[in-house]
Amino acid sequence: MGATIVVTEHGKRVARLVPEADSLEERINTLRNAGSVQWSGRRLGVVKPAVRVRGKRTVSDIVVENRE
């Protein structure tokens, strides 16, 4: 499959390159084992949108306007 490569900068670990997993389940298990994600195994609930945009402007229009 391949080897894991650790990238260092001045002797400090900054990244890890790992071989691509064959399946989604293997990728999720890799993230769990690394401590990057936690999941109880239950289905996720439906989430309501945090904000509603009113009028004809899009969210991207508002973001661009706020950046200026």
N, C-alpha and C. Protein backbone atom coordinates (compact mmCIF):
# COMPACT_ATOMS: atom_id res chain seq x y z
N MET A 1 0.81 -1.19 0.00
CA MET A 1 0.00 0.00 0.00
C MET A 1 0.86 1.25 0.00
N GLY A 2 1.82 1.35 0.83
CA GLY A 2 2.66 2.54 0.90
C GLY A 2 3.06 2.83 2.32
N ALA A 3 3.93 3.79 2.47
CA ALA A 3 4.44 4.14 3.79
C ALA A 3 3.97 5.53 4.19
N THR A 4 3.92 5.77 5.48
CA THR A 4 3.60 7.09 6.00
C THR A 4 4.89 7.91 6.05
N ILE A 5 4.80 9.16 5.57
CA ILE A 5 5.96 10.05 5.55
C ILE A 5 5.68 11.20 6.51
N VAL A 6 6.59 11.45 7.44
CA VAL A 6 6.46 12.56 8.38
C VAL A 6 7.32 13.72 7.88
N VAL A 7 6.69 14.88 7.74
CA VAL A 7 7.38 16.08 7.29
C VAL A 7 7.78 16.89 8.52
N THR A 8 9.04 17.30 8.58
CA THR A 8 9.51 18.08 9.72
C THR A 8 10.07 19.41 9.27
N GLU A 9 10.05 20.35 10.18
CA GLU A 9 10.66 21.66 9.96
C GLU A 9 11.52 21.95 11.17
N HIS A 10 12.82 21.98 10.98
CA HIS A 10 13.77 22.18 12.07
C HIS A 10 13.58 21.14 13.17
N GLY A 11 13.32 19.90 12.76
CA GLY A 11 13.17 18.81 13.71
C GLY A 11 11.80 18.69 14.35
N LYS A 12 10.87 19.59 14.04
CA LYS A 12 9.53 19.55 14.61
C LYS A 12 8.56 19.00 13.57
N ARG A 13 7.73 18.04 13.96
CA ARG A 13 6.75 17.48 13.04
C ARG A 13 5.72 18.53 12.65
N VAL A 14 5.51 18.70 11.34
CA VAL A 14 4.53 19.67 10.87
C VAL A 14 3.46 19.05 9.99
N ALA A 15 3.69 17.86 9.46
CA ALA A 15 2.70 17.21 8.60
C ALA A 15 3.00 15.73 8.52
N ARG A 16 1.97 15.00 8.08
CA ARG A 16 2.10 13.58 7.88
C ARG A 16 1.42 13.22 6.57
N LEU A 17 2.10 12.54 5.70
CA LEU A 17 1.53 12.06 4.45
C LEU A 17 1.28 10.57 4.61
N VAL A 18 0.01 10.18 4.43
CA VAL A 18 -0.34 8.78 4.61
C VAL A 18 -0.92 8.24 3.31
N PRO A 19 -0.76 6.97 3.06
CA PRO A 19 -1.33 6.38 1.85
C PRO A 19 -2.84 6.53 1.86
N GLU A 20 -3.41 6.70 0.68
CA GLU A 20 -4.85 6.83 0.57
C GLU A 20 -5.52 5.52 0.97
N ALA A 21 -6.55 5.62 1.78
CA ALA A 21 -7.28 4.44 2.20
C ALA A 21 -8.19 3.97 1.07
N ASP A 22 -8.52 2.71 1.09
CA ASP A 22 -9.33 2.14 0.02
C ASP A 22 -10.80 2.48 0.14
N SER A 23 -11.31 2.68 1.34
CA SER A 23 -12.74 2.91 1.51
C SER A 23 -13.00 4.06 2.46
N LEU A 24 -14.22 4.54 2.44
CA LEU A 24 -14.62 5.61 3.35
C LEU A 24 -14.47 5.15 4.79
N GLU A 25 -14.85 3.92 5.08
CA GLU A 25 -14.74 3.39 6.44
C GLU A 25 -13.29 3.41 6.92
N GLU A 26 -12.35 3.04 6.05
CA GLU A 26 -10.93 3.07 6.43
C GLU A 26 -10.46 4.49 6.68
N ARG A 27 -10.91 5.43 5.87
CA ARG A 27 -10.51 6.84 6.07
C ARG A 27 -11.06 7.36 7.39
N ILE A 28 -12.31 7.03 7.70
CA ILE A 28 -12.90 7.47 8.96
C ILE A 28 -12.16 6.85 10.14
N ASN A 29 -11.84 5.57 10.05
CA ASN A 29 -11.10 4.91 11.13
C ASN A 29 -9.73 5.53 11.32
N THR A 30 -9.07 5.92 10.23
CA THR A 30 -7.77 6.58 10.33
C THR A 30 -7.91 7.90 11.08
N LEU A 31 -8.95 8.68 10.78
CA LEU A 31 -9.18 9.95 11.48
C LEU A 31 -9.50 9.70 12.96
N ARG A 32 -10.29 8.68 13.25
CA ARG A 32 -10.60 8.34 14.65
C ARG A 32 -9.34 7.96 15.42
N ASN A 33 -8.53 7.10 14.81
CA ASN A 33 -7.30 6.64 15.48
C ASN A 33 -6.33 7.78 15.73
N ALA A 34 -6.33 8.79 14.85
CA ALA A 34 -5.46 9.94 15.01
C ALA A 34 -6.02 10.93 16.03
N GLY A 35 -7.27 10.73 16.44
CA GLY A 35 -7.89 11.66 17.39
C GLY A 35 -8.41 12.91 16.73
N SER A 36 -8.53 12.90 15.41
CA SER A 36 -8.99 14.09 14.68
C SER A 36 -10.50 14.24 14.70
N VAL A 37 -11.23 13.14 14.81
CA VAL A 37 -12.69 13.20 14.84
C VAL A 37 -13.21 12.28 15.94
N GLN A 38 -14.40 12.60 16.43
CA GLN A 38 -15.09 11.75 17.39
C GLN A 38 -16.53 11.62 16.91
N TRP A 39 -17.07 10.42 16.97
CA TRP A 39 -18.44 10.19 16.55
C TRP A 39 -19.00 9.02 17.32
N SER A 40 -20.20 9.17 17.82
CA SER A 40 -20.82 8.12 18.62
C SER A 40 -21.39 7.00 17.76
N GLY A 41 -21.51 7.22 16.47
CA GLY A 41 -22.09 6.23 15.57
C GLY A 41 -23.56 6.49 15.29
N ARG A 42 -24.17 7.42 16.01
CA ARG A 42 -25.58 7.75 15.78
C ARG A 42 -25.72 8.63 14.55
N ARG A 43 -26.91 8.59 13.94
CA ARG A 43 -27.19 9.46 12.80
C ARG A 43 -27.19 10.91 13.26
N LEU A 44 -26.75 11.80 12.38
CA LEU A 44 -26.76 13.22 12.69
C LEU A 44 -28.15 13.78 12.47
N GLY A 45 -28.55 14.71 13.31
CA GLY A 45 -29.87 15.32 13.18
C GLY A 45 -29.87 16.42 12.12
N VAL A 46 -31.06 16.82 11.75
CA VAL A 46 -31.23 17.90 10.78
C VAL A 46 -30.93 19.22 11.47
N VAL A 47 -30.15 20.06 10.81
CA VAL A 47 -29.76 21.35 11.39
C VAL A 47 -30.45 22.46 10.61
N LYS A 48 -31.07 23.38 11.33
CA LYS A 48 -31.71 24.53 10.68
C LYS A 48 -30.63 25.53 10.27
N PRO A 49 -30.86 26.25 9.17
CA PRO A 49 -29.89 27.29 8.78
C PRO A 49 -29.75 28.32 9.90
N ALA A 50 -28.53 28.80 10.14
CA ALA A 50 -28.29 29.78 11.20
C ALA A 50 -28.89 31.14 10.86
N VAL A 51 -28.91 31.47 9.57
CA VAL A 51 -29.38 32.78 9.14
C VAL A 51 -30.14 32.62 7.83
N ARG A 52 -31.12 33.47 7.63
CA ARG A 52 -31.82 33.50 6.35
C ARG A 52 -31.51 34.81 5.66
N VAL A 53 -31.25 34.74 4.37
CA VAL A 53 -30.99 35.94 3.59
C VAL A 53 -32.31 36.43 3.03
N ARG A 54 -32.58 37.70 3.23
CA ARG A 54 -33.82 38.29 2.71
C ARG A 54 -33.49 39.16 1.52
N GLY A 55 -34.41 39.26 0.61
CA GLY A 55 -34.21 40.10 -0.56
C GLY A 55 -33.55 39.33 -1.69
N LYS A 56 -33.05 40.07 -2.67
CA LYS A 56 -32.50 39.45 -3.87
C LYS A 56 -31.00 39.22 -3.80
N ARG A 57 -30.35 39.76 -2.76
CA ARG A 57 -28.90 39.57 -2.65
C ARG A 57 -28.60 38.15 -2.20
N THR A 58 -27.46 37.63 -2.66
CA THR A 58 -27.01 36.31 -2.24
C THR A 58 -26.03 36.45 -1.08
N VAL A 59 -25.74 35.35 -0.43
CA VAL A 59 -24.78 35.38 0.67
C VAL A 59 -23.42 35.85 0.15
N SER A 60 -23.01 35.39 -1.04
CA SER A 60 -21.72 35.82 -1.57
C SER A 60 -21.68 37.32 -1.84
N ASP A 61 -22.81 37.92 -2.25
CA ASP A 61 -22.86 39.37 -2.43
C ASP A 61 -22.61 40.09 -1.11
N ILE A 62 -23.20 39.59 -0.04
CA ILE A 62 -23.04 40.21 1.28
C ILE A 62 -21.61 40.06 1.77
N VAL A 63 -21.00 38.89 1.55
CA VAL A 63 -19.61 38.67 1.98
C VAL A 63 -18.68 39.62 1.23
N VAL A 64 -18.85 39.76 -0.07
CA VAL A 64 -18.00 40.66 -0.85
C VAL A 64 -18.17 42.09 -0.38
N GLU A 65 -19.41 42.49 -0.11
CA GLU A 65 -19.68 43.85 0.37
C GLU A 65 -18.99 44.10 1.70
N ASN A 66 -18.98 43.13 2.60
CA ASN A 66 -18.37 43.30 3.91
C ASN A 66 -16.84 43.32 3.84
N ARG A 67 -16.27 42.75 2.79
CA ARG A 67 -14.81 42.74 2.65
C ARG A 67 -14.28 44.09 2.19
N GLU A 68 -15.12 44.87 1.58
CA GLU A 68 -14.65 46.17 1.04
C GLU A 68 -14.58 47.24 2.09
